[in-house]
């Protein structure tokens, strides 16, 4: 009888272990946790324009520079007006798009530069 009780006890322990393992696998397979990923989107660049000079004054400075120089680069314009390069390029492009403004954009090699616009006279 003692051996039957021992065998029965071992059988109960073995079944408990097997059932616990099966139950854990079942829970893992059907009740797994989902990971949540949060994506934060930020703008590429925020540009701040200096209030030291207004846009008209910056245009006048660029035109004055082009009176004595053939080309004006974005870096030069940014430095002379205390702007970041993104703002400087955007402002120079805005000047160049406006046909009434005396600055035009040209490509020199691989670099974008700005020069004084040559106004054509109607003949």
C-alpha atoms as a PDB file:
ATOM      1  CA  UNK A   1       0.000   0.000   0.000  1.00  0.00           C
ATOM      2  CA  UNK A   2       2.842   2.299   0.752  1.00  0.00           C
ATOM      3  CA  UNK A   3       4.200   1.977  -2.752  1.00  0.00           C
ATOM      4  CA  UNK A   4       0.807   2.789  -4.213  1.00  0.00           C
ATOM      5  CA  UNK A   5       0.612   5.950  -2.120  1.00  0.00           C
ATOM      6  CA  UNK A   6       4.144   6.917  -3.169  1.00  0.00           C
ATOM      7  CA  UNK A   7       3.324   6.223  -6.825  1.00  0.00           C
ATOM      8  CA  UNK A   8       0.050   8.123  -6.452  1.00  0.00           C
ATOM      9  CA  UNK A   9       1.816  11.081  -4.831  1.00  0.00           C
ATOM     10  CA  UNK A  10       4.425  11.160  -7.596  1.00  0.00           C
ATOM     11  CA  UNK A  11       1.642  10.905 -10.172  1.00  0.00           C
ATOM     12  CA  UNK A  12      -0.195  13.863  -8.596  1.00  0.00           C
ATOM     13  CA  UNK A  13       2.980  15.951  -8.537  1.00  0.00           C
ATOM     14  CA  UNK A  14       3.779  15.040 -12.147  1.00  0.00           C
ATOM     15  CA  UNK A  15       0.249  15.894 -13.300  1.00  0.00           C
ATOM     16  CA  UNK A  16       0.351  19.203 -11.437  1.00  0.00           C
ATOM     17  CA  UNK A  17       3.615  20.126 -13.148  1.00  0.00           C
ATOM     18  CA  UNK A  18       2.354  19.078 -16.576  1.00  0.00           C
ATOM     19  CA  UNK A  19      -0.971  20.882 -16.193  1.00  0.00           C
ATOM     20  CA  UNK A  20       0.768  24.016 -14.929  1.00  0.00           C
ATOM     21  CA  UNK A  21       3.146  23.998 -17.912  1.00  0.00           C
ATOM     22  CA  UNK A  22       0.328  23.422 -20.408  1.00  0.00           C
ATOM     23  CA  UNK A  23      -1.746  26.162 -18.810  1.00  0.00           C
ATOM     24  CA  UNK A  24       1.189  28.599 -18.938  1.00  0.00           C
ATOM     25  CA  UNK A  25       1.822  27.788 -22.616  1.00  0.00           C
ATOM     26  CA  UNK A  26      -1.874  28.208 -23.409  1.00  0.00           C
ATOM     27  CA  UNK A  27      -1.951  31.601 -21.645  1.00  0.00           C
ATOM     28  CA  UNK A  28       1.227  32.719 -23.394  1.00  0.00           C
ATOM     29  CA  UNK A  29      -0.081  31.705 -26.806  1.00  0.00           C
ATOM     30  CA  UNK A  30      -3.520  33.314 -26.478  1.00  0.00           C
ATOM     31  CA  UNK A  31      -3.049  36.084 -23.947  1.00  0.00           C
ATOM     32  CA  UNK A  32       0.297  37.596 -24.850  1.00  0.00           C
ATOM     33  CA  UNK A  33       0.896  41.246 -24.163  1.00  0.00           C
ATOM     34  CA  UNK A  34       1.098  43.751 -26.997  1.00  0.00           C
ATOM     35  CA  UNK A  35       3.874  46.296 -27.005  1.00  0.00           C
ATOM     36  CA  UNK A  36       2.831  49.878 -27.518  1.00  0.00           C
ATOM     37  CA  UNK A  37       5.211  52.071 -29.490  1.00  0.00           C
ATOM     38  CA  UNK A  38       4.732  55.820 -29.374  1.00  0.00           C
ATOM     39  CA  UNK A  39       6.112  57.794 -32.300  1.00  0.00           C
ATOM     40  CA  UNK A  40       6.702  61.488 -31.707  1.00  0.00           C
ATOM     41  CA  UNK A  41       6.906  63.585 -34.839  1.00  0.00           C
ATOM     42  CA  UNK A  42       8.806  66.847 -34.649  1.00  0.00           C
ATOM     43  CA  UNK A  43       9.436  69.411 -37.376  1.00  0.00           C
ATOM     44  CA  UNK A  44      12.769  69.111 -39.150  1.00  0.00           C
ATOM     45  CA  UNK A  45      13.856  72.598 -38.311  1.00  0.00           C
ATOM     46  CA  UNK A  46      12.369  75.572 -36.582  1.00  0.00           C
ATOM     47  CA  UNK A  47      13.734  78.821 -37.893  1.00  0.00           C
ATOM     48  CA  UNK A  48      13.720  82.070 -36.012  1.00  0.00           C
ATOM     49  CA  UNK A  49      14.349  85.325 -37.821  1.00  0.00           C
ATOM     50  CA  UNK A  50      16.387  87.907 -35.969  1.00  0.00           C
ATOM     51  CA  UNK A  51      14.593  91.137 -35.137  1.00  0.00           C
ATOM     52  CA  UNK A  52      17.814  93.109 -35.341  1.00  0.00           C
ATOM     53  CA  UNK A  53      17.146  94.076 -38.972  1.00  0.00           C
ATOM     54  CA  UNK A  54      13.828  94.012 -40.785  1.00  0.00           C
ATOM     55  CA  UNK A  55      13.452  92.331 -44.165  1.00  0.00           C
ATOM     56  CA  UNK A  56      13.735  95.605 -46.103  1.00  0.00           C
ATOM     57  CA  UNK A  57      17.010  96.432 -44.335  1.00  0.00           C
ATOM     58  CA  UNK A  58      18.346  92.930 -45.011  1.00  0.00           C
ATOM     59  CA  UNK A  59      17.485  93.300 -48.711  1.00  0.00           C
ATOM     60  CA  UNK A  60      19.277  96.671 -48.815  1.00  0.00           C
ATOM     61  CA  UNK A  61      22.357  95.101 -47.203  1.00  0.00           C
ATOM     62  CA  UNK A  62      22.335  92.289 -49.783  1.00  0.00           C
ATOM     63  CA  UNK A  63      22.012  94.738 -52.678  1.00  0.00           C
ATOM     64  CA  UNK A  64      24.824  96.891 -51.247  1.00  0.00           C
ATOM     65  CA  UNK A  65      27.009  93.788 -50.968  1.00  0.00           C
ATOM     66  CA  UNK A  66      26.272  92.893 -54.597  1.00  0.00           C
ATOM     67  CA  UNK A  67      27.379  96.382 -55.697  1.00  0.00           C
ATOM     68  CA  UNK A  68      30.955  95.381 -54.873  1.00  0.00           C
ATOM     69  CA  UNK A  69      30.811  91.586 -55.222  1.00  0.00           C
ATOM     70  CA  UNK A  70      29.710  89.348 -58.080  1.00  0.00           C
ATOM     71  CA  UNK A  71      27.905  86.738 -55.941  1.00  0.00           C
ATOM     72  CA  UNK A  72      26.300  86.431 -52.515  1.00  0.00           C
ATOM     73  CA  UNK A  73      26.213  83.021 -50.831  1.00  0.00           C
ATOM     74  CA  UNK A  74      23.684  81.814 -48.299  1.00  0.00           C
ATOM     75  CA  UNK A  75      26.407  81.615 -45.639  1.00  0.00           C
ATOM     76  CA  UNK A  76      27.518  85.193 -46.297  1.00  0.00           C
ATOM     77  CA  UNK A  77      23.932  86.476 -46.123  1.00  0.00           C
ATOM     78  CA  UNK A  78      23.264  84.493 -42.934  1.00  0.00           C
ATOM     79  CA  UNK A  79      26.383  85.859 -41.271  1.00  0.00           C
ATOM     80  CA  UNK A  80      25.820  89.494 -42.263  1.00  0.00           C
ATOM     81  CA  UNK A  81      22.232  89.413 -40.969  1.00  0.00           C
ATOM     82  CA  UNK A  82      22.698  87.081 -37.996  1.00  0.00           C
ATOM     83  CA  UNK A  83      20.284  84.482 -39.403  1.00  0.00           C
ATOM     84  CA  UNK A  84      20.536  80.717 -39.517  1.00  0.00           C
ATOM     85  CA  UNK A  85      21.203  79.236 -42.954  1.00  0.00           C
ATOM     86  CA  UNK A  86      17.669  77.880 -43.372  1.00  0.00           C
ATOM     87  CA  UNK A  87      16.121  81.317 -42.799  1.00  0.00           C
ATOM     88  CA  UNK A  88      18.753  83.021 -44.934  1.00  0.00           C
ATOM     89  CA  UNK A  89      18.136  80.701 -47.878  1.00  0.00           C
ATOM     90  CA  UNK A  90      14.360  81.043 -47.584  1.00  0.00           C
ATOM     91  CA  UNK A  91      14.584  84.814 -47.551  1.00  0.00           C
ATOM     92  CA  UNK A  92      17.013  84.991 -50.486  1.00  0.00           C
ATOM     93  CA  UNK A  93      14.759  82.634 -52.463  1.00  0.00           C
ATOM     94  CA  UNK A  94      11.779  84.876 -51.689  1.00  0.00           C
ATOM     95  CA  UNK A  95      13.738  87.890 -52.971  1.00  0.00           C
ATOM     96  CA  UNK A  96      14.738  85.981 -56.111  1.00  0.00           C
ATOM     97  CA  UNK A  97      11.165  84.871 -56.877  1.00  0.00           C
ATOM     98  CA  UNK A  98       9.914  88.456 -56.758  1.00  0.00           C
ATOM     99  CA  UNK A  99      10.857  89.852 -60.178  1.00  0.00           C
ATOM    100  CA  UNK A 100      10.619  93.389 -58.771  1.00  0.00           C
ATOM    101  CA  UNK A 101      13.478  92.719 -56.349  1.00  0.00           C
ATOM    102  CA  UNK A 102      17.053  93.274 -57.645  1.00  0.00           C
ATOM    103  CA  UNK A 103      18.334  89.793 -56.674  1.00  0.00           C
ATOM    104  CA  UNK A 104      18.231  86.586 -58.680  1.00  0.00           C
ATOM    105  CA  UNK A 105      19.241  83.028 -57.921  1.00  0.00           C
ATOM    106  CA  UNK A 106      21.826  81.247 -60.073  1.00  0.00           C
ATOM    107  CA  UNK A 107      23.524  77.873 -59.868  1.00  0.00           C
ATOM    108  CA  UNK A 108      27.301  78.145 -59.908  1.00  0.00           C
ATOM    109  CA  UNK A 109      28.793  74.674 -60.163  1.00  0.00           C
ATOM    110  CA  UNK A 110      27.031  72.709 -57.432  1.00  0.00           C
ATOM    111  CA  UNK A 111      26.306  75.765 -55.318  1.00  0.00           C
ATOM    112  CA  UNK A 112      23.284  78.040 -55.257  1.00  0.00           C
ATOM    113  CA  UNK A 113      24.317  81.703 -55.150  1.00  0.00           C
ATOM    114  CA  UNK A 114      22.584  85.030 -55.671  1.00  0.00           C
ATOM    115  CA  UNK A 115      23.569  87.902 -57.894  1.00  0.00           C
ATOM    116  CA  UNK A 116      22.264  91.289 -58.876  1.00  0.00           C
ATOM    117  CA  UNK A 117      19.386  91.032 -61.322  1.00  0.00           C
ATOM    118  CA  UNK A 118      19.979  92.594 -64.732  1.00  0.00           C
ATOM    119  CA  UNK A 119      16.816  94.427 -65.724  1.00  0.00           C
ATOM    120  CA  UNK A 120      16.060  94.246 -69.404  1.00  0.00           C
ATOM    121  CA  UNK A 121      14.900  97.449 -71.018  1.00  0.00           C
ATOM    122  CA  UNK A 122      12.197  97.284 -73.646  1.00  0.00           C
ATOM    123  CA  UNK A 123      13.534  98.429 -77.025  1.00  0.00           C
END
